[in-house]
Amino acid sequence: NSPHHTVSVHYMWVLVVVPAWLATSFLLPQHARLDHLPSARRNKLPQRARTSAVTLYADDIEDVEVFDDDDNHPLSMLPLLERVLVSEQGAIDSRWSVEAEQDACALLAAAGLDEGEQLSLTLCDDAWMHDLNFKWRSVDAPTDVLSFPMEDPRLLGDLVISLETASRQAAERSYALRDELRVLMVHGVLHLLGYDHETGEADYAEMAAAERKLLKRLGWVGVGLIDAAAES
């Protein structure tokens, strides 16, 4: 059950970490309808029932539901896949992908996910996240993390994280960037597991407690996004 088992399909948890320029439409929602409840495979943290529509989540506490178009077709994400996240040398900085992969696999283990569970993680820039946030949430600004639950029971879902926004937030909170990315992943994965801080005080408190529990279990530095928002 080692969290070091990372990307191979032969391992316990399969994680796909890709920069935005490698993302294809399958990394983002192909089905905006969810017809099943979480199964018993997620047995370490209490699960919240999923709704009948994809819900996108972000740090700004303004969650909305996004549906298919009138013909029940997923909205095309292809125009958003042209941006390239590059380092100053003009090449992908693979360090963040490697560290994010390691941390996400540790998070999946800490959350008690069973064999075969898959998660895709896209690290992007603010411009790409801005387009994504506007496309799916009608918010004309970048955000830090978006979560896309998937209909396939083998797929936990997709997380998209802006490295630029994460870097700014890390500086504001006096965190290392890796610590901020870990906090964002915890928040996003909990949403994929069915938690929702916008559906009442009890659910708000439950998700905040789950963030604290996972961060403590993993020994990660930082305050959960819900507690951070309450403190600001």
C-alpha atoms as a PDB file:
ATOM      1  CA  ASN A   1       0.000   0.000   0.000  1.00  0.00           C
ATOM      2  CA  SER A   2       2.952   2.315  -0.561  1.00  0.00           C
ATOM      3  CA  PRO A   3       2.191   5.847  -1.758  1.00  0.00           C
ATOM      4  CA  HIS A   4       5.402   5.600  -3.772  1.00  0.00           C
ATOM      5  CA  HIS A   5       3.515   3.426  -6.251  1.00  0.00           C
ATOM      6  CA  THR A   6       2.749   6.185  -8.638  1.00  0.00           C
ATOM      7  CA  VAL A   7       2.034   6.174 -12.338  1.00  0.00           C
ATOM      8  CA  SER A   8       2.172   2.653 -13.676  1.00  0.00           C
ATOM      9  CA  VAL A   9      -1.108   0.896 -14.322  1.00  0.00           C
ATOM     10  CA  HIS A  10       0.333  -2.001 -12.377  1.00  0.00           C
ATOM     11  CA  TYR A  11       0.426  -0.021  -9.171  1.00  0.00           C
ATOM     12  CA  MET A  12      -2.233   0.507  -6.524  1.00  0.00           C
ATOM     13  CA  TRP A  13      -3.070   4.078  -7.462  1.00  0.00           C
ATOM     14  CA  VAL A  14      -2.784   5.327 -11.011  1.00  0.00           C
ATOM     15  CA  LEU A  15      -2.084   9.043 -11.260  1.00  0.00           C
ATOM     16  CA  VAL A  16      -1.664  10.952 -14.497  1.00  0.00           C
ATOM     17  CA  VAL A  17       0.176  14.254 -14.097  1.00  0.00           C
ATOM     18  CA  VAL A  18       0.293  16.389 -17.232  1.00  0.00           C
ATOM     19  CA  PRO A  19       1.098  19.995 -18.072  1.00  0.00           C
ATOM     20  CA  ALA A  20      -1.638  21.927 -19.841  1.00  0.00           C
ATOM     21  CA  TRP A  21      -0.083  21.615 -23.276  1.00  0.00           C
ATOM     22  CA  LEU A  22      -0.341  17.837 -23.120  1.00  0.00           C
ATOM     23  CA  ALA A  23      -3.934  17.837 -21.920  1.00  0.00           C
ATOM     24  CA  THR A  24      -6.510  16.387 -24.272  1.00  0.00           C
ATOM     25  CA  SER A  25     -10.252  16.551 -23.978  1.00  0.00           C
ATOM     26  CA  PHE A  26     -10.418  13.313 -21.987  1.00  0.00           C
ATOM     27  CA  LEU A  27      -8.645  15.005 -19.088  1.00  0.00           C
ATOM     28  CA  LEU A  28     -11.599  17.331 -18.626  1.00  0.00           C
ATOM     29  CA  PRO A  29     -15.273  16.441 -18.226  1.00  0.00           C
ATOM     30  CA  GLN A  30     -16.664  14.271 -21.004  1.00  0.00           C
ATOM     31  CA  HIS A  31     -19.881  13.642 -19.078  1.00  0.00           C
ATOM     32  CA  ALA A  32     -21.622  16.405 -17.178  1.00  0.00           C
ATOM     33  CA  ARG A  33     -24.106  13.951 -15.667  1.00  0.00           C
ATOM     34  CA  LEU A  34     -23.388  11.788 -12.643  1.00  0.00           C
ATOM     35  CA  ASP A  35     -25.922   9.052 -11.975  1.00  0.00           C
ATOM     36  CA  HIS A  36     -24.277   7.067  -9.190  1.00  0.00           C
ATOM     37  CA  LEU A  37     -23.490   7.570  -5.530  1.00  0.00           C
ATOM     38  CA  PRO A  38     -20.032   6.949  -4.087  1.00  0.00           C
ATOM     39  CA  SER A  39     -19.424   3.251  -3.567  1.00  0.00           C
ATOM     40  CA  ALA A  40     -18.049   1.522  -0.490  1.00  0.00           C
ATOM     41  CA  ARG A  41     -14.553   1.575  -1.996  1.00  0.00           C
ATOM     42  CA  ARG A  42     -13.915   4.907  -0.278  1.00  0.00           C
ATOM     43  CA  ASN A  43     -13.989   3.699   3.275  1.00  0.00           C
ATOM     44  CA  LYS A  44     -11.561   5.749   5.350  1.00  0.00           C
ATOM     45  CA  LEU A  45     -13.219   9.174   5.281  1.00  0.00           C
ATOM     46  CA  PRO A  46     -16.992   9.738   5.444  1.00  0.00           C
ATOM     47  CA  GLN A  47     -18.365  10.349   1.970  1.00  0.00           C
ATOM     48  CA  ARG A  48     -20.966  12.800   0.809  1.00  0.00           C
ATOM     49  CA  ALA A  49     -23.527  11.805  -1.804  1.00  0.00           C
ATOM     50  CA  ARG A  50     -22.753  13.111  -5.268  1.00  0.00           C
ATOM     51  CA  THR A  51     -25.346  15.165  -7.076  1.00  0.00           C
ATOM     52  CA  SER A  52     -26.755  14.600 -10.562  1.00  0.00           C
ATOM     53  CA  ALA A  53     -24.502  17.177 -12.178  1.00  0.00           C
ATOM     54  CA  VAL A  54     -20.829  18.004 -12.308  1.00  0.00           C
ATOM     55  CA  THR A  55     -19.959  20.619  -9.716  1.00  0.00           C
ATOM     56  CA  LEU A  56     -16.799  22.689 -10.050  1.00  0.00           C
ATOM     57  CA  TYR A  57     -15.114  23.917  -6.903  1.00  0.00           C
ATOM     58  CA  ALA A  58     -12.678  26.689  -6.154  1.00  0.00           C
ATOM     59  CA  ASP A  59     -11.122  28.563  -3.277  1.00  0.00           C
ATOM     60  CA  ASP A  60     -13.405  31.560  -3.710  1.00  0.00           C
ATOM     61  CA  ILE A  61     -16.381  29.730  -2.112  1.00  0.00           C
ATOM     62  CA  GLU A  62     -18.628  30.435  -5.099  1.00  0.00           C
ATOM     63  CA  ASP A  63     -19.377  26.929  -6.310  1.00  0.00           C
ATOM     64  CA  VAL A  64     -21.763  26.437  -9.193  1.00  0.00           C
ATOM     65  CA  GLU A  65     -23.184  23.518 -11.165  1.00  0.00           C
ATOM     66  CA  VAL A  66     -22.398  23.173 -14.849  1.00  0.00           C
ATOM     67  CA  PHE A  67     -24.596  21.169 -17.236  1.00  0.00           C
ATOM     68  CA  ASP A  68     -24.359  19.937 -20.796  1.00  0.00           C
ATOM     69  CA  ASP A  69     -25.775  21.987 -23.633  1.00  0.00           C
ATOM     70  CA  ASP A  70     -29.355  21.525 -24.849  1.00  0.00           C
ATOM     71  CA  ASP A  71     -28.353  18.548 -26.997  1.00  0.00           C
ATOM     72  CA  ASN A  72     -26.747  16.811 -24.020  1.00  0.00           C
ATOM     73  CA  HIS A  73     -23.257  17.215 -25.490  1.00  0.00           C
ATOM     74  CA  PRO A  74     -20.276  18.135 -23.328  1.00  0.00           C
ATOM     75  CA  LEU A  75     -18.999  21.640 -23.933  1.00  0.00           C
ATOM     76  CA  SER A  76     -15.858  21.508 -26.063  1.00  0.00           C
ATOM     77  CA  MET A  77     -12.634  22.163 -24.173  1.00  0.00           C
ATOM     78  CA  LEU A  78     -10.369  22.010 -27.214  1.00  0.00           C
ATOM     79  CA  PRO A  79      -9.941  25.802 -27.579  1.00  0.00           C
ATOM     80  CA  LEU A  80      -8.488  25.844 -24.080  1.00  0.00           C
ATOM     81  CA  LEU A  81      -5.762  23.316 -24.817  1.00  0.00           C
ATOM     82  CA  GLU A  82      -3.484  25.605 -26.812  1.00  0.00           C
ATOM     83  CA  ARG A  83      -1.723  27.272 -23.898  1.00  0.00           C
ATOM     84  CA  VAL A  84       1.712  26.008 -22.926  1.00  0.00           C
ATOM     85  CA  LEU A  85       3.154  26.129 -19.433  1.00  0.00           C
ATOM     86  CA  VAL A  86       6.882  26.731 -19.807  1.00  0.00           C
ATOM     87  CA  SER A  87       9.810  27.658 -17.656  1.00  0.00           C
ATOM     88  CA  GLU A  88      12.050  30.642 -18.367  1.00  0.00           C
ATOM     89  CA  GLN A  89      14.180  28.364 -20.535  1.00  0.00           C
ATOM     90  CA  GLY A  90      11.187  27.538 -22.691  1.00  0.00           C
ATOM     91  CA  ALA A  91      10.797  23.970 -21.450  1.00  0.00           C
ATOM     92  CA  ILE A  92       8.365  22.300 -19.117  1.00  0.00           C
ATOM     93  CA  ASP A  93       9.568  22.472 -15.516  1.00  0.00           C
ATOM     94  CA  SER A  94       9.102  18.808 -14.663  1.00  0.00           C
ATOM     95  CA  ARG A  95      10.011  19.290 -11.001  1.00  0.00           C
ATOM     96  CA  TRP A  96       6.489  20.339 -10.096  1.00  0.00           C
ATOM     97  CA  SER A  97       4.973  17.430 -11.983  1.00  0.00           C
ATOM     98  CA  VAL A  98       7.209  14.940 -10.177  1.00  0.00           C
ATOM     99  CA  GLU A  99       6.555  16.402  -6.735  1.00  0.00           C
ATOM    100  CA  ALA A 100       2.828  16.758  -7.382  1.00  0.00           C
ATOM    101  CA  GLU A 101       2.676  13.136  -8.507  1.00  0.00           C
ATOM    102  CA  GLN A 102       4.398  11.946  -5.341  1.00  0.00           C
ATOM    103  CA  ASP A 103       2.172  14.054  -3.121  1.00  0.00           C
ATOM    104  CA  ALA A 104      -1.055  13.139  -4.886  1.00  0.00           C
ATOM    105  CA  CYS A 105      -0.304   9.437  -4.561  1.00  0.00           C
ATOM    106  CA  ALA A 106       0.404   9.889  -0.850  1.00  0.00           C
ATOM    107  CA  LEU A 107      -2.903  11.742  -0.567  1.00  0.00           C
ATOM    108  CA  LEU A 108      -4.818   8.947  -2.298  1.00  0.00           C
ATOM    109  CA  ALA A 109      -3.311   6.475   0.146  1.00  0.00           C
ATOM    110  CA  ALA A 110      -4.137   8.656   3.162  1.00  0.00           C
ATOM    111  CA  ALA A 111      -7.725   9.011   1.967  1.00  0.00           C
ATOM    112  CA  GLY A 112      -8.049   5.218   1.897  1.00  0.00           C
ATOM    113  CA  LEU A 113      -8.774   4.779  -1.799  1.00  0.00           C
ATOM    114  CA  ASP A 114      -8.879   1.232  -3.103  1.00  0.00           C
ATOM    115  CA  GLU A 115      -7.015  -0.444  -5.952  1.00  0.00           C
ATOM    116  CA  GLY A 116      -7.706   0.814  -9.442  1.00  0.00           C
ATOM    117  CA  GLU A 117      -8.656   4.337  -8.368  1.00  0.00           C
ATOM    118  CA  GLN A 118      -7.391   6.868 -10.912  1.00  0.00           C
ATOM    119  CA  LEU A 119      -6.807  10.600 -10.703  1.00  0.00           C
ATOM    120  CA  SER A 120      -5.588  13.000 -13.359  1.00  0.00           C
ATOM    121  CA  LEU A 121      -3.849  16.208 -12.360  1.00  0.00           C
ATOM    122  CA  THR A 122      -3.172  19.101 -14.726  1.00  0.00           C
ATOM    123  CA  LEU A 123      -0.723  21.827 -13.733  1.00  0.00           C
ATOM    124  CA  CYS A 124      -1.309  24.991 -15.747  1.00  0.00           C
ATOM    125  CA  ASP A 125      -0.693  28.742 -15.842  1.00  0.00           C
ATOM    126  CA  ASP A 126      -3.115  31.540 -14.944  1.00  0.00           C
ATOM    127  CA  ALA A 127      -4.091  32.268 -18.538  1.00  0.00           C
ATOM    128  CA  TRP A 128      -5.160  28.678 -19.139  1.00  0.00           C
ATOM    129  CA  MET A 129      -6.963  28.526 -15.785  1.00  0.00           C
ATOM    130  CA  HIS A 130      -8.674  31.848 -16.527  1.00  0.00           C
ATOM    131  CA  ASP A 131     -10.140  30.431 -19.726  1.00  0.00           C
ATOM    132  CA  LEU A 132     -11.160  27.241 -17.962  1.00  0.00           C
ATOM    133  CA  ASN A 133     -12.809  29.099 -15.086  1.00  0.00           C
ATOM    134  CA  PHE A 134     -14.710  31.350 -17.477  1.00  0.00           C
ATOM    135  CA  LYS A 135     -15.750  28.453 -19.711  1.00  0.00           C
ATOM    136  CA  TRP A 136     -17.178  26.329 -16.905  1.00  0.00           C
ATOM    137  CA  ARG A 137     -18.056  28.797 -14.161  1.00  0.00           C
ATOM    138  CA  SER A 138     -18.560  32.117 -15.989  1.00  0.00           C
ATOM    139  CA  VAL A 139     -15.956  33.658 -13.672  1.00  0.00           C
ATOM    140  CA  ASP A 140     -13.735  36.075 -15.590  1.00  0.00           C
ATOM    141  CA  ALA A 141     -10.589  35.438 -13.551  1.00  0.00           C
ATOM    142  CA  PRO A 142      -8.151  32.637 -12.804  1.00  0.00           C
ATOM    143  CA  THR A 143      -8.513  30.535  -9.672  1.00  0.00           C
ATOM    144  CA  ASP A 144      -6.282  28.112  -7.818  1.00  0.00           C
ATOM    145  CA  VAL A 145      -7.945  24.704  -8.213  1.00  0.00           C
ATOM    146  CA  LEU A 146     -10.886  23.198 -10.063  1.00  0.00           C
ATOM    147  CA  SER A 147     -12.263  19.704  -9.443  1.00  0.00           C
ATOM    148  CA  PHE A 148     -14.080  17.637 -12.066  1.00  0.00           C
ATOM    149  CA  PRO A 149     -15.773  14.446 -10.795  1.00  0.00           C
ATOM    150  CA  MET A 150     -16.023  11.659 -13.351  1.00  0.00           C
ATOM    151  CA  GLU A 151     -18.899   9.292 -14.065  1.00  0.00           C
ATOM    152  CA  ASP A 152     -16.716   6.196 -14.418  1.00  0.00           C
ATOM    153  CA  PRO A 153     -16.504   4.561 -10.953  1.00  0.00           C
ATOM    154  CA  ARG A 154     -12.843   3.712 -11.606  1.00  0.00           C
ATOM    155  CA  LEU A 155     -11.960   7.377 -12.073  1.00  0.00           C
ATOM    156  CA  LEU A 156     -11.897   9.641  -9.055  1.00  0.00           C
ATOM    157  CA  GLY A 157     -11.814  12.640 -11.383  1.00  0.00           C
ATOM    158  CA  ASP A 158      -9.629  15.495 -12.582  1.00  0.00           C
ATOM    159  CA  LEU A 159      -7.876  18.264 -10.696  1.00  0.00           C
ATOM    160  CA  VAL A 160      -6.598  21.368 -12.448  1.00  0.00           C
ATOM    161  CA  ILE A 161      -4.229  23.604 -10.466  1.00  0.00           C
ATOM    162  CA  SER A 162      -2.717  26.922 -11.534  1.00  0.00           C
ATOM    163  CA  LEU A 163       0.933  27.057 -10.523  1.00  0.00           C
ATOM    164  CA  GLU A 164       0.939  30.845 -10.853  1.00  0.00           C
ATOM    165  CA  THR A 165      -1.995  31.359  -8.498  1.00  0.00           C
ATOM    166  CA  ALA A 166      -0.607  28.744  -6.123  1.00  0.00           C
ATOM    167  CA  SER A 167       2.733  30.571  -6.102  1.00  0.00           C
ATOM    168  CA  ARG A 168       1.111  33.892  -5.195  1.00  0.00           C
ATOM    169  CA  GLN A 169      -0.969  32.304  -2.455  1.00  0.00           C
ATOM    170  CA  ALA A 170       2.085  30.539  -1.071  1.00  0.00           C
ATOM    171  CA  ALA A 171       3.888  33.883  -0.777  1.00  0.00           C
ATOM    172  CA  GLU A 172       0.868  35.488   0.903  1.00  0.00           C
ATOM    173  CA  ARG A 173       0.632  32.640   3.416  1.00  0.00           C
ATOM    174  CA  SER A 174       4.399  32.285   3.904  1.00  0.00           C
ATOM    175  CA  TYR A 175       4.307  28.716   2.562  1.00  0.00           C
ATOM    176  CA  ALA A 176       6.652  26.945   0.216  1.00  0.00           C
ATOM    177  CA  LEU A 177       4.991  26.387  -3.155  1.00  0.00           C
ATOM    178  CA  ARG A 178       4.934  22.630  -2.597  1.00  0.00           C
ATOM    179  CA  ASP A 179       3.051  23.135   0.667  1.00  0.00           C
ATOM    180  CA  GLU A 180       0.437  25.277  -1.083  1.00  0.00           C
ATOM    181  CA  LEU A 181       0.033  22.686  -3.840  1.00  0.00           C
ATOM    182  CA  ARG A 182      -0.546  20.041  -1.181  1.00  0.00           C
ATOM    183  CA  VAL A 183      -3.271  22.136   0.469  1.00  0.00           C
ATOM    184  CA  LEU A 184      -4.943  22.643  -2.915  1.00  0.00           C
ATOM    185  CA  MET A 185      -4.811  18.933  -3.693  1.00  0.00           C
ATOM    186  CA  VAL A 186      -6.406  18.038  -0.357  1.00  0.00           C
ATOM    187  CA  HIS A 187      -9.250  20.476  -0.992  1.00  0.00           C
ATOM    188  CA  GLY A 188      -9.779  19.284  -4.549  1.00  0.00           C
ATOM    189  CA  VAL A 189      -9.673  15.570  -3.758  1.00  0.00           C
ATOM    190  CA  LEU A 190     -12.191  15.980  -0.941  1.00  0.00           C
ATOM    191  CA  HIS A 191     -14.577  17.607  -3.396  1.00  0.00           C
ATOM    192  CA  LEU A 192     -14.059  14.672  -5.757  1.00  0.00           C
ATOM    193  CA  LEU A 193     -14.968  12.369  -2.865  1.00  0.00           C
ATOM    194  CA  GLY A 194     -18.290  14.150  -2.480  1.00  0.00           C
ATOM    195  CA  TYR A 195     -17.612  16.704   0.246  1.00  0.00           C
ATOM    196  CA  ASP A 196     -19.245  20.112  -0.216  1.00  0.00           C
ATOM    197  CA  HIS A 197     -18.750  23.081   2.088  1.00  0.00           C
ATOM    198  CA  GLU A 198     -21.589  25.009   0.415  1.00  0.00           C
ATOM    199  CA  THR A 199     -24.515  22.763   1.339  1.00  0.00           C
ATOM    200  CA  GLY A 200     -24.986  23.768   4.957  1.00  0.00           C
ATOM    201  CA  GLU A 201     -23.156  24.393   8.201  1.00  0.00           C
ATOM    202  CA  ALA A 202     -22.786  20.711   9.034  1.00  0.00           C
ATOM    203  CA  ASP A 203     -21.273  19.915   5.626  1.00  0.00           C
ATOM    204  CA  TYR A 204     -19.019  22.968   5.899  1.00  0.00           C
ATOM    205  CA  ALA A 205     -17.719  21.803   9.267  1.00  0.00           C
ATOM    206  CA  GLU A 206     -17.344  18.220   8.041  1.00  0.00           C
ATOM    207  CA  MET A 207     -15.213  19.184   5.056  1.00  0.00           C
ATOM    208  CA  ALA A 208     -13.088  21.569   7.117  1.00  0.00           C
ATOM    209  CA  ALA A 209     -12.468  18.759   9.613  1.00  0.00           C
ATOM    210  CA  ALA A 210     -11.585  16.352   6.789  1.00  0.00           C
ATOM    211  CA  GLU A 211      -9.018  18.845   5.463  1.00  0.00           C
ATOM    212  CA  ARG A 212      -7.437  19.087   8.900  1.00  0.00           C
ATOM    213  CA  LYS A 213      -7.465  15.311   9.306  1.00  0.00           C
ATOM    214  CA  LEU A 214      -5.734  14.623   6.002  1.00  0.00           C
ATOM    215  CA  LEU A 215      -3.128  17.360   6.447  1.00  0.00           C
ATOM    216  CA  LYS A 216      -2.314  16.037   9.924  1.00  0.00           C
ATOM    217  CA  ARG A 217      -2.276  12.402   8.784  1.00  0.00           C
ATOM    218  CA  LEU A 218       0.180  13.240   6.021  1.00  0.00           C
ATOM    219  CA  GLY A 219       2.288  15.542   8.192  1.00  0.00           C
ATOM    220  CA  TRP A 220       1.884  18.358   5.674  1.00  0.00           C
ATOM    221  CA  VAL A 221       2.417  22.015   6.526  1.00  0.00           C
ATOM    222  CA  GLY A 222      -0.414  24.472   6.057  1.00  0.00           C
ATOM    223  CA  VAL A 223      -3.999  25.300   6.902  1.00  0.00           C
ATOM    224  CA  GLY A 224      -6.871  23.867   4.880  1.00  0.00           C
ATOM    225  CA  LEU A 225      -8.527  26.199   2.389  1.00  0.00           C
ATOM    226  CA  ILE A 226     -11.778  26.344   4.344  1.00  0.00           C
ATOM    227  CA  ASP A 227     -10.043  27.313   7.585  1.00  0.00           C
ATOM    228  CA  ALA A 228      -7.823  29.771   5.694  1.00  0.00           C
ATOM    229  CA  ALA A 229     -10.869  31.454   4.155  1.00  0.00           C
ATOM    230  CA  ALA A 230     -12.520  31.695   7.577  1.00  0.00           C
ATOM    231  CA  GLU A 231      -9.396  33.301   9.029  1.00  0.00           C
ATOM    232  CA  SER A 232      -8.991  35.878   6.266  1.00  0.00           C
END
